[in-house]
Amino acid sequence: MMILQHFLISSNSSTSFIDEFAFLSQVHQAIALQTQIEHYRRWRSNLNLTNGVGYTMCAMYWQLNDVWSAPTWSTIDFNLRWKISHYFVKRSFAPLILSMYFDQNENFHLFVCSDLLENIYNSTITIKVFVLQFGNDPIYQQSVELNKISLLSSNEIYLPEEFNWKIKNNVSF
């Protein structure tokens, strides 16, 4: 019942509830796959300092497609239509991504993950944080210059403490 913990289902009628629940179950699956894939991609460049072993070098997911019509975990249905989660998976496996998450202390972390076979030089990342309740103006904005994004890497982009303060004081967890 994780879906009911994370999403509001507005309808009380049984047919509308089932429709909304089915849709939100696909959204929930998409977010779960994105979270898992990006977690593994962020850990790409991390090593266990005691034994030098890497934590992960890749990510994989199960199940790609269906062999018959049924409500399954696959991201492509029996008729070869992409489900919501397949769009999320495609974006999460892009050769170059920005991946973010909040840790257990509600601190924001931002990573650039590259599966490219060449370095990227002199890039600018512009971060804008919006709170939907406050309209179209960002509560925080900053540009970060990156001299080099290394090939086949994952690196954290360190943001000033002001950023976490702004987030914690304007976003409820």
N, C-alpha and C. Protein backbone atom coordinates (compact mmCIF):
# COMPACT_ATOMS: atom_id res chain seq x y z
N MET A 1 0.81 -1.20 0.00
CA MET A 1 0.00 0.00 0.00
C MET A 1 0.86 1.27 0.00
N MET A 2 2.09 1.13 -0.47
CA MET A 2 2.98 2.29 -0.58
C MET A 2 2.35 3.39 -1.44
N ILE A 3 1.57 3.01 -2.41
CA ILE A 3 0.94 3.99 -3.30
C ILE A 3 0.05 4.92 -2.50
N LEU A 4 -0.74 4.37 -1.59
CA LEU A 4 -1.64 5.19 -0.78
C LEU A 4 -0.89 6.06 0.22
N GLN A 5 0.34 5.67 0.59
CA GLN A 5 1.14 6.50 1.48
C GLN A 5 1.76 7.69 0.76
N HIS A 6 2.01 7.55 -0.54
CA HIS A 6 2.72 8.59 -1.28
C HIS A 6 1.83 9.46 -2.16
N PHE A 7 0.66 8.98 -2.50
CA PHE A 7 -0.21 9.72 -3.42
C PHE A 7 -1.61 9.84 -2.83
N LEU A 8 -2.27 10.93 -3.16
CA LEU A 8 -3.65 11.12 -2.75
C LEU A 8 -4.56 10.63 -3.86
N ILE A 9 -5.50 9.78 -3.51
CA ILE A 9 -6.50 9.34 -4.47
C ILE A 9 -7.79 10.05 -4.09
N SER A 10 -8.25 10.90 -5.00
CA SER A 10 -9.35 11.81 -4.67
C SER A 10 -10.72 11.16 -4.76
N SER A 11 -10.86 10.13 -5.53
CA SER A 11 -12.18 9.59 -5.81
C SER A 11 -12.64 8.60 -4.74
N ASN A 12 -13.93 8.61 -4.49
CA ASN A 12 -14.51 7.66 -3.55
C ASN A 12 -15.24 6.52 -4.25
N SER A 13 -15.62 6.73 -5.51
CA SER A 13 -16.33 5.65 -6.21
C SER A 13 -15.36 4.54 -6.57
N SER A 14 -15.82 3.32 -6.54
CA SER A 14 -14.93 2.17 -6.71
C SER A 14 -14.29 2.14 -8.09
N THR A 15 -15.04 2.49 -9.15
CA THR A 15 -14.44 2.44 -10.49
C THR A 15 -13.39 3.53 -10.66
N SER A 16 -13.66 4.73 -10.17
CA SER A 16 -12.67 5.80 -10.26
C SER A 16 -11.46 5.50 -9.40
N PHE A 17 -11.70 4.91 -8.22
CA PHE A 17 -10.59 4.55 -7.35
C PHE A 17 -9.66 3.56 -8.04
N ILE A 18 -10.22 2.55 -8.67
CA ILE A 18 -9.41 1.54 -9.36
C ILE A 18 -8.63 2.18 -10.50
N ASP A 19 -9.27 3.07 -11.26
CA ASP A 19 -8.56 3.75 -12.36
C ASP A 19 -7.39 4.58 -11.83
N GLU A 20 -7.66 5.38 -10.79
CA GLU A 20 -6.59 6.21 -10.22
C GLU A 20 -5.49 5.35 -9.60
N PHE A 21 -5.88 4.30 -8.90
CA PHE A 21 -4.91 3.42 -8.26
C PHE A 21 -4.02 2.74 -9.30
N ALA A 22 -4.62 2.28 -10.40
CA ALA A 22 -3.84 1.64 -11.47
C ALA A 22 -2.84 2.62 -12.07
N PHE A 23 -3.30 3.84 -12.34
CA PHE A 23 -2.41 4.86 -12.89
C PHE A 23 -1.28 5.19 -11.91
N LEU A 24 -1.63 5.43 -10.65
CA LEU A 24 -0.62 5.80 -9.66
C LEU A 24 0.33 4.65 -9.34
N SER A 25 -0.12 3.42 -9.52
CA SER A 25 0.81 2.30 -9.33
C SER A 25 1.89 2.33 -10.40
N GLN A 26 1.54 2.75 -11.61
CA GLN A 26 2.55 2.89 -12.66
C GLN A 26 3.49 4.06 -12.38
N VAL A 27 2.95 5.16 -11.87
CA VAL A 27 3.80 6.29 -11.49
C VAL A 27 4.75 5.88 -10.37
N HIS A 28 4.23 5.17 -9.39
CA HIS A 28 5.05 4.71 -8.26
C HIS A 28 6.17 3.80 -8.75
N GLN A 29 5.85 2.87 -9.65
CA GLN A 29 6.87 1.98 -10.21
C GLN A 29 7.93 2.79 -10.95
N ALA A 30 7.52 3.78 -11.72
CA ALA A 30 8.46 4.60 -12.48
C ALA A 30 9.43 5.33 -11.56
N ILE A 31 8.90 5.92 -10.49
CA ILE A 31 9.76 6.63 -9.54
C ILE A 31 10.69 5.66 -8.82
N ALA A 32 10.19 4.48 -8.47
CA ALA A 32 11.03 3.48 -7.80
C ALA A 32 12.18 3.03 -8.71
N LEU A 33 11.89 2.76 -9.97
CA LEU A 33 12.95 2.37 -10.91
C LEU A 33 13.97 3.49 -11.09
N GLN A 34 13.48 4.72 -11.25
CA GLN A 34 14.38 5.86 -11.40
C GLN A 34 15.28 6.00 -10.18
N THR A 35 14.71 5.88 -9.00
CA THR A 35 15.48 6.00 -7.76
C THR A 35 16.57 4.94 -7.69
N GLN A 36 16.23 3.70 -8.01
CA GLN A 36 17.20 2.61 -7.94
C GLN A 36 18.30 2.78 -8.99
N ILE A 37 17.93 3.03 -10.23
CA ILE A 37 18.92 3.16 -11.30
C ILE A 37 19.88 4.30 -11.01
N GLU A 38 19.35 5.45 -10.61
CA GLU A 38 20.21 6.60 -10.35
C GLU A 38 21.08 6.38 -9.11
N HIS A 39 20.58 5.65 -8.13
CA HIS A 39 21.41 5.32 -6.96
C HIS A 39 22.64 4.55 -7.41
N TYR A 40 22.44 3.51 -8.20
CA TYR A 40 23.58 2.72 -8.68
C TYR A 40 24.51 3.55 -9.55
N ARG A 41 23.98 4.42 -10.37
CA ARG A 41 24.84 5.26 -11.22
C ARG A 41 25.64 6.26 -10.38
N ARG A 42 25.04 6.80 -9.32
CA ARG A 42 25.78 7.73 -8.46
C ARG A 42 26.94 7.04 -7.77
N TRP A 43 26.81 5.76 -7.45
CA TRP A 43 27.85 5.02 -6.72
C TRP A 43 28.96 4.52 -7.63
N ARG A 44 28.90 4.79 -8.88
CA ARG A 44 29.86 4.27 -9.86
C ARG A 44 31.30 4.51 -9.47
N SER A 45 31.64 5.70 -9.04
CA SER A 45 33.04 6.06 -8.77
C SER A 45 33.45 5.86 -7.32
N ASN A 46 32.60 5.28 -6.50
CA ASN A 46 32.91 5.09 -5.09
C ASN A 46 33.62 3.76 -4.86
N LEU A 47 34.64 3.82 -4.03
CA LEU A 47 35.39 2.62 -3.66
C LEU A 47 35.34 2.43 -2.16
N ASN A 48 35.34 1.18 -1.73
CA ASN A 48 35.50 0.84 -0.33
C ASN A 48 36.97 1.08 0.00
N LEU A 49 37.26 2.03 0.87
CA LEU A 49 38.64 2.42 1.14
C LEU A 49 39.44 1.37 1.88
N THR A 50 38.78 0.41 2.52
CA THR A 50 39.53 -0.63 3.24
C THR A 50 40.06 -1.72 2.32
N ASN A 51 39.29 -2.05 1.27
CA ASN A 51 39.75 -3.13 0.39
C ASN A 51 39.87 -2.74 -1.08
N GLY A 52 39.53 -1.50 -1.41
CA GLY A 52 39.67 -1.03 -2.78
C GLY A 52 38.63 -1.55 -3.76
N VAL A 53 37.63 -2.24 -3.26
CA VAL A 53 36.60 -2.81 -4.12
C VAL A 53 35.54 -1.74 -4.41
N GLY A 54 35.09 -1.69 -5.65
CA GLY A 54 34.03 -0.76 -6.02
C GLY A 54 32.68 -1.24 -5.54
N TYR A 55 31.78 -0.30 -5.33
CA TYR A 55 30.43 -0.66 -4.89
C TYR A 55 29.56 -1.13 -6.05
N THR A 56 29.64 -0.45 -7.17
CA THR A 56 28.83 -0.85 -8.33
C THR A 56 29.40 -0.19 -9.58
N MET A 57 29.21 -0.81 -10.70
CA MET A 57 29.63 -0.24 -11.97
C MET A 57 28.48 -0.18 -12.96
N CYS A 58 27.31 -0.63 -12.55
CA CYS A 58 26.22 -0.65 -13.52
C CYS A 58 24.87 -0.74 -12.81
N ALA A 59 23.85 -0.69 -13.61
CA ALA A 59 22.49 -0.87 -13.12
C ALA A 59 21.73 -1.67 -14.17
N MET A 60 20.84 -2.48 -13.69
CA MET A 60 20.02 -3.31 -14.57
C MET A 60 18.63 -3.39 -13.96
N TYR A 61 17.62 -3.58 -14.78
CA TYR A 61 16.30 -3.75 -14.19
C TYR A 61 15.57 -4.91 -14.86
N TRP A 62 14.60 -5.42 -14.15
CA TRP A 62 13.79 -6.53 -14.62
C TRP A 62 12.36 -6.07 -14.48
N GLN A 63 11.61 -6.06 -15.37
CA GLN A 63 11.39 -6.87 -16.54
C GLN A 63 11.06 -5.93 -17.68
N LEU A 64 11.65 -6.14 -18.83
CA LEU A 64 11.51 -5.23 -19.96
C LEU A 64 10.13 -5.34 -20.61
N ASN A 65 9.74 -6.52 -21.04
CA ASN A 65 8.49 -6.63 -21.80
C ASN A 65 7.64 -7.82 -21.35
N ASP A 66 6.38 -7.77 -21.77
CA ASP A 66 5.42 -8.83 -21.43
C ASP A 66 5.34 -9.86 -22.54
N VAL A 67 5.05 -11.09 -22.17
CA VAL A 67 4.82 -12.13 -23.17
C VAL A 67 3.33 -12.40 -23.33
N TRP A 68 2.50 -11.81 -22.48
CA TRP A 68 1.05 -11.88 -22.63
C TRP A 68 0.45 -10.66 -21.94
N SER A 69 -0.81 -10.38 -22.23
CA SER A 69 -1.49 -9.23 -21.62
C SER A 69 -1.82 -9.55 -20.17
N ALA A 70 -1.26 -8.74 -19.29
CA ALA A 70 -1.50 -8.92 -17.86
C ALA A 70 -0.93 -7.72 -17.12
N PRO A 71 -1.40 -7.47 -15.90
CA PRO A 71 -0.79 -6.40 -15.09
C PRO A 71 0.53 -6.90 -14.50
N THR A 72 1.63 -6.48 -15.08
CA THR A 72 2.94 -7.00 -14.68
C THR A 72 3.90 -5.86 -14.38
N TRP A 73 5.12 -6.23 -13.99
CA TRP A 73 6.18 -5.27 -13.70
C TRP A 73 6.86 -4.74 -14.95
N SER A 74 6.57 -5.30 -16.09
CA SER A 74 7.30 -4.91 -17.30
C SER A 74 7.10 -3.43 -17.60
N THR A 75 8.04 -2.86 -18.34
CA THR A 75 7.95 -1.44 -18.69
C THR A 75 7.43 -1.25 -20.12
N ILE A 76 7.32 -2.34 -20.86
CA ILE A 76 6.71 -2.33 -22.19
C ILE A 76 5.62 -3.39 -22.19
N ASP A 77 4.40 -3.01 -22.59
CA ASP A 77 3.31 -3.98 -22.51
C ASP A 77 3.34 -4.97 -23.69
N PHE A 78 2.40 -5.90 -23.67
CA PHE A 78 2.34 -6.96 -24.68
C PHE A 78 2.23 -6.40 -26.10
N ASN A 79 1.57 -5.25 -26.25
CA ASN A 79 1.39 -4.62 -27.56
C ASN A 79 2.54 -3.67 -27.92
N LEU A 80 3.63 -3.76 -27.17
CA LEU A 80 4.86 -2.97 -27.39
C LEU A 80 4.68 -1.48 -27.10
N ARG A 81 3.67 -1.14 -26.30
CA ARG A 81 3.50 0.26 -25.87
C ARG A 81 4.32 0.49 -24.62
N TRP A 82 4.98 1.64 -24.59
CA TRP A 82 5.76 1.99 -23.41
C TRP A 82 4.83 2.38 -22.27
N LYS A 83 5.10 1.82 -21.10
CA LYS A 83 4.41 2.25 -19.89
C LYS A 83 5.16 3.46 -19.33
N ILE A 84 4.57 4.12 -18.35
CA ILE A 84 5.18 5.32 -17.75
C ILE A 84 6.61 5.02 -17.31
N SER A 85 6.81 3.88 -16.68
CA SER A 85 8.13 3.57 -16.14
C SER A 85 9.21 3.46 -17.21
N HIS A 86 8.85 3.09 -18.42
CA HIS A 86 9.87 2.96 -19.46
C HIS A 86 10.45 4.33 -19.83
N TYR A 87 9.62 5.36 -19.82
CA TYR A 87 10.12 6.72 -20.08
C TYR A 87 11.10 7.15 -18.98
N PHE A 88 10.78 6.82 -17.74
CA PHE A 88 11.66 7.14 -16.62
C PHE A 88 12.97 6.37 -16.73
N VAL A 89 12.89 5.08 -17.08
CA VAL A 89 14.09 4.25 -17.23
C VAL A 89 14.98 4.81 -18.34
N LYS A 90 14.37 5.17 -19.46
CA LYS A 90 15.15 5.73 -20.58
C LYS A 90 15.91 6.98 -20.13
N ARG A 91 15.22 7.86 -19.42
CA ARG A 91 15.86 9.10 -18.96
C ARG A 91 16.94 8.80 -17.92
N SER A 92 16.71 7.83 -17.05
CA SER A 92 17.69 7.50 -16.01
C SER A 92 18.95 6.85 -16.58
N PHE A 93 18.82 6.18 -17.72
CA PHE A 93 19.97 5.55 -18.37
C PHE A 93 20.60 6.44 -19.45
N ALA A 94 20.21 7.71 -19.54
CA ALA A 94 20.82 8.60 -20.52
C ALA A 94 22.33 8.66 -20.27
N PRO A 95 23.13 8.88 -21.30
CA PRO A 95 24.59 8.86 -21.13
C PRO A 95 25.10 9.91 -20.13
N LEU A 96 24.39 11.01 -19.97
CA LEU A 96 24.80 12.06 -19.05
C LEU A 96 23.56 12.53 -18.30
N ILE A 97 23.59 12.41 -16.97
CA ILE A 97 22.43 12.83 -16.17
C ILE A 97 22.87 13.63 -14.96
N LEU A 98 21.96 14.45 -14.48
CA LEU A 98 22.07 15.04 -13.15
C LEU A 98 21.13 14.24 -12.26
N SER A 99 21.64 13.76 -11.16
CA SER A 99 20.84 12.94 -10.25
C SER A 99 20.88 13.56 -8.86
N MET A 100 19.72 13.66 -8.24
CA MET A 100 19.67 14.29 -6.93
C MET A 100 18.90 13.43 -5.95
N TYR A 101 19.21 13.64 -4.69
CA TYR A 101 18.45 12.96 -3.64
C TYR A 101 18.65 13.70 -2.32
N PHE A 102 17.76 13.42 -1.38
CA PHE A 102 17.88 13.93 -0.02
C PHE A 102 18.34 12.78 0.87
N ASP A 103 19.35 13.03 1.71
CA ASP A 103 19.82 11.98 2.61
C ASP A 103 18.91 11.92 3.85
N GLN A 104 19.25 11.03 4.79
CA GLN A 104 18.41 10.84 5.98
C GLN A 104 18.34 12.08 6.86
N ASN A 105 19.28 13.02 6.70
CA ASN A 105 19.24 14.28 7.45
C ASN A 105 18.59 15.40 6.65
N GLU A 106 17.95 15.04 5.54
CA GLU A 106 17.25 15.97 4.66
C GLU A 106 18.20 16.95 3.98
N ASN A 107 19.47 16.56 3.80
CA ASN A 107 20.42 17.36 3.03
C ASN A 107 20.34 16.95 1.57
N PHE A 108 20.39 17.94 0.72
CA PHE A 108 20.28 17.73 -0.72
C PHE A 108 21.64 17.39 -1.31
N HIS A 109 21.68 16.40 -2.19
CA HIS A 109 22.91 16.01 -2.88
C HIS A 109 22.64 16.00 -4.38
N LEU A 110 23.59 16.53 -5.14
CA LEU A 110 23.47 16.59 -6.60
C LEU A 110 24.70 15.96 -7.22
N PHE A 111 24.49 15.04 -8.15
CA PHE A 111 25.58 14.34 -8.82
C PHE A 111 25.46 14.53 -10.32
N VAL A 112 26.61 14.57 -10.98
CA VAL A 112 26.63 14.45 -12.44
C VAL A 112 27.21 13.07 -12.74
N CYS A 113 26.47 12.29 -13.51
CA CYS A 113 26.86 10.91 -13.84
C CYS A 113 27.05 10.82 -15.35
N SER A 114 28.22 10.35 -15.75
CA SER A 114 28.53 10.27 -17.17
C SER A 114 28.91 8.85 -17.56
N ASP A 115 28.26 8.35 -18.59
CA ASP A 115 28.65 7.09 -19.23
C ASP A 115 29.28 7.37 -20.59
N LEU A 116 29.61 8.63 -20.82
CA LEU A 116 30.23 9.01 -22.10
C LEU A 116 31.66 8.50 -22.17
N LEU A 117 32.14 8.27 -23.37
CA LEU A 117 33.50 7.77 -23.57
C LEU A 117 34.49 8.89 -23.81
N GLU A 118 34.08 10.10 -23.52
CA GLU A 118 34.99 11.25 -23.61
C GLU A 118 34.66 12.25 -22.52
N ASN A 119 35.65 13.03 -22.14
CA ASN A 119 35.45 14.06 -21.13
C ASN A 119 34.65 15.22 -21.71
N ILE A 120 33.98 15.95 -20.84
CA ILE A 120 33.29 17.17 -21.24
C ILE A 120 33.95 18.31 -20.47
N TYR A 121 34.31 19.37 -21.17
CA TYR A 121 35.02 20.48 -20.56
C TYR A 121 34.15 21.74 -20.54
N ASN A 122 34.38 22.56 -19.51
CA ASN A 122 33.79 23.89 -19.39
C ASN A 122 32.26 23.88 -19.53
N SER A 123 31.61 23.28 -18.56
CA SER A 123 30.15 23.21 -18.54
C SER A 123 29.59 24.08 -17.42
N THR A 124 28.39 24.53 -17.61
CA THR A 124 27.69 25.30 -16.59
C THR A 124 26.37 24.60 -16.28
N ILE A 125 26.12 24.39 -15.00
CA ILE A 125 24.85 23.84 -14.55
C ILE A 125 24.13 24.94 -13.79
N THR A 126 22.91 25.23 -14.18
CA THR A 126 22.11 26.23 -13.47
C THR A 126 21.05 25.49 -12.66
N ILE A 127 21.06 25.75 -11.37
CA ILE A 127 20.13 25.10 -10.45
C ILE A 127 19.07 26.12 -10.06
N LYS A 128 17.82 25.76 -10.27
CA LYS A 128 16.70 26.60 -9.85
C LYS A 128 15.76 25.72 -9.04
N VAL A 129 15.40 26.20 -7.86
CA VAL A 129 14.49 25.46 -7.00
C VAL A 129 13.18 26.23 -6.90
N PHE A 130 12.11 25.52 -7.20
CA PHE A 130 10.78 26.10 -7.16
C PHE A 130 9.95 25.38 -6.10
N VAL A 131 9.13 26.13 -5.42
CA VAL A 131 8.13 25.55 -4.52
C VAL A 131 6.78 25.88 -5.16
N LEU A 132 6.04 24.86 -5.49
CA LEU A 132 4.81 25.06 -6.26
C LEU A 132 3.85 26.04 -5.60
N GLN A 133 3.81 26.08 -4.28
CA GLN A 133 2.89 26.97 -3.58
C GLN A 133 3.28 28.44 -3.72
N PHE A 134 4.53 28.72 -4.10
CA PHE A 134 5.02 30.09 -4.13
C PHE A 134 5.04 30.70 -5.52
N GLY A 135 4.46 30.06 -6.51
CA GLY A 135 4.39 30.64 -7.85
C GLY A 135 5.57 30.25 -8.72
N ASN A 136 5.86 31.12 -9.70
CA ASN A 136 6.85 30.80 -10.72
C ASN A 136 8.25 31.32 -10.44
N ASP A 137 8.46 31.95 -9.30
CA ASP A 137 9.78 32.47 -8.99
C ASP A 137 10.55 31.46 -8.16
N PRO A 138 11.81 31.20 -8.54
CA PRO A 138 12.59 30.23 -7.76
C PRO A 138 12.91 30.77 -6.37
N ILE A 139 12.94 29.87 -5.37
CA ILE A 139 13.35 30.27 -4.03
C ILE A 139 14.87 30.27 -3.92
N TYR A 140 15.52 29.63 -4.87
CA TYR A 140 16.98 29.57 -4.88
C TYR A 140 17.42 29.39 -6.32
N GLN A 141 18.53 30.07 -6.66
CA GLN A 141 19.09 29.93 -8.00
C GLN A 141 20.59 30.09 -7.92
N GLN A 142 21.30 29.23 -8.62
CA GLN A 142 22.76 29.31 -8.64
C GLN A 142 23.29 28.61 -9.89
N SER A 143 24.34 29.16 -10.46
CA SER A 143 25.04 28.50 -11.56
C SER A 143 26.35 27.95 -11.03
N VAL A 144 26.69 26.75 -11.46
CA VAL A 144 27.92 26.08 -11.03
C VAL A 144 28.74 25.79 -12.28
N GLU A 145 29.99 26.24 -12.26
CA GLU A 145 30.90 25.99 -13.37
C GLU A 145 31.63 24.68 -13.13
N LEU A 146 31.62 23.81 -14.10
CA LEU A 146 32.35 22.55 -14.02
C LEU A 146 33.46 22.58 -15.07
N ASN A 147 34.70 22.53 -14.61
CA ASN A 147 35.82 22.55 -15.54
C ASN A 147 35.88 21.28 -16.37
N LYS A 148 35.55 20.15 -15.73
CA LYS A 148 35.66 18.87 -16.43
C LYS A 148 34.66 17.87 -15.84
N ILE A 149 33.93 17.22 -16.73
CA ILE A 149 33.12 16.06 -16.36
C ILE A 149 33.86 14.87 -16.96
N SER A 150 34.42 14.04 -16.10
CA SER A 150 35.24 12.93 -16.57
C SER A 150 34.41 11.85 -17.23
N LEU A 151 35.01 11.19 -18.20
CA LEU A 151 34.34 10.08 -18.84
C LEU A 151 34.09 8.97 -17.83
N LEU A 152 33.01 8.25 -18.02
CA LEU A 152 32.68 7.08 -17.19
C LEU A 152 32.83 7.37 -15.70
N SER A 153 32.12 8.39 -15.22
CA SER A 153 32.30 8.81 -13.83
C SER A 153 30.99 9.25 -13.19
N SER A 154 31.06 9.40 -11.88
CA SER A 154 29.98 9.99 -11.11
C SER A 154 30.62 10.88 -10.06
N ASN A 155 30.25 12.15 -10.04
CA ASN A 155 30.85 13.09 -9.10
C ASN A 155 29.79 13.98 -8.48
N GLU A 156 29.93 14.20 -7.18
CA GLU A 156 28.99 15.09 -6.49
C GLU A 156 29.36 16.53 -6.79
N ILE A 157 28.33 17.33 -6.98
CA ILE A 157 28.48 18.77 -7.14
C ILE A 157 28.14 19.37 -5.78
N TYR A 158 29.13 19.92 -5.12
CA TYR A 158 28.92 20.44 -3.76
C TYR A 158 28.31 21.83 -3.83
N LEU A 159 27.23 21.99 -3.09
CA LEU A 159 26.49 23.25 -3.06
C LEU A 159 26.70 23.91 -1.71
N PRO A 160 26.58 25.24 -1.66
CA PRO A 160 26.78 25.93 -0.38
C PRO A 160 25.71 25.56 0.64
N GLU A 161 26.04 25.71 1.91
CA GLU A 161 25.10 25.38 2.99
C GLU A 161 23.82 26.19 2.88
N GLU A 162 23.91 27.39 2.32
CA GLU A 162 22.72 28.23 2.12
C GLU A 162 21.65 27.47 1.33
N PHE A 163 22.09 26.65 0.39
CA PHE A 163 21.16 25.89 -0.43
C PHE A 163 20.32 24.96 0.43
N ASN A 164 20.97 24.16 1.28
CA ASN A 164 20.23 23.25 2.16
C ASN A 164 19.34 24.01 3.12
N TRP A 165 19.80 25.17 3.62
CA TRP A 165 18.98 25.97 4.51
C TRP A 165 17.71 26.42 3.80
N LYS A 166 17.84 26.90 2.57
CA LYS A 166 16.68 27.35 1.80
C LYS A 166 15.70 26.20 1.57
N ILE A 167 16.24 25.04 1.23
CA ILE A 167 15.38 23.89 0.97
C ILE A 167 14.64 23.49 2.25
N LYS A 168 15.37 23.34 3.35
CA LYS A 168 14.76 22.86 4.60
C LYS A 168 13.70 23.83 5.13
N ASN A 169 13.86 25.11 4.86
CA ASN A 169 12.92 26.09 5.38
C ASN A 169 11.74 26.35 4.45
N ASN A 170 11.73 25.75 3.27
CA ASN A 170 10.64 25.98 2.34
C ASN A 170 9.97 24.72 1.83
N VAL A 171 10.51 23.56 2.17
CA VAL A 171 9.97 22.30 1.67
C VAL A 171 9.66 21.41 2.87
N SER A 172 8.49 20.81 2.86
CA SER A 172 8.16 19.86 3.93
C SER A 172 8.45 18.45 3.45
N PHE A 173 9.00 17.65 4.35
CA PHE A 173 9.37 16.28 4.00
C PHE A 173 8.34 15.31 4.54
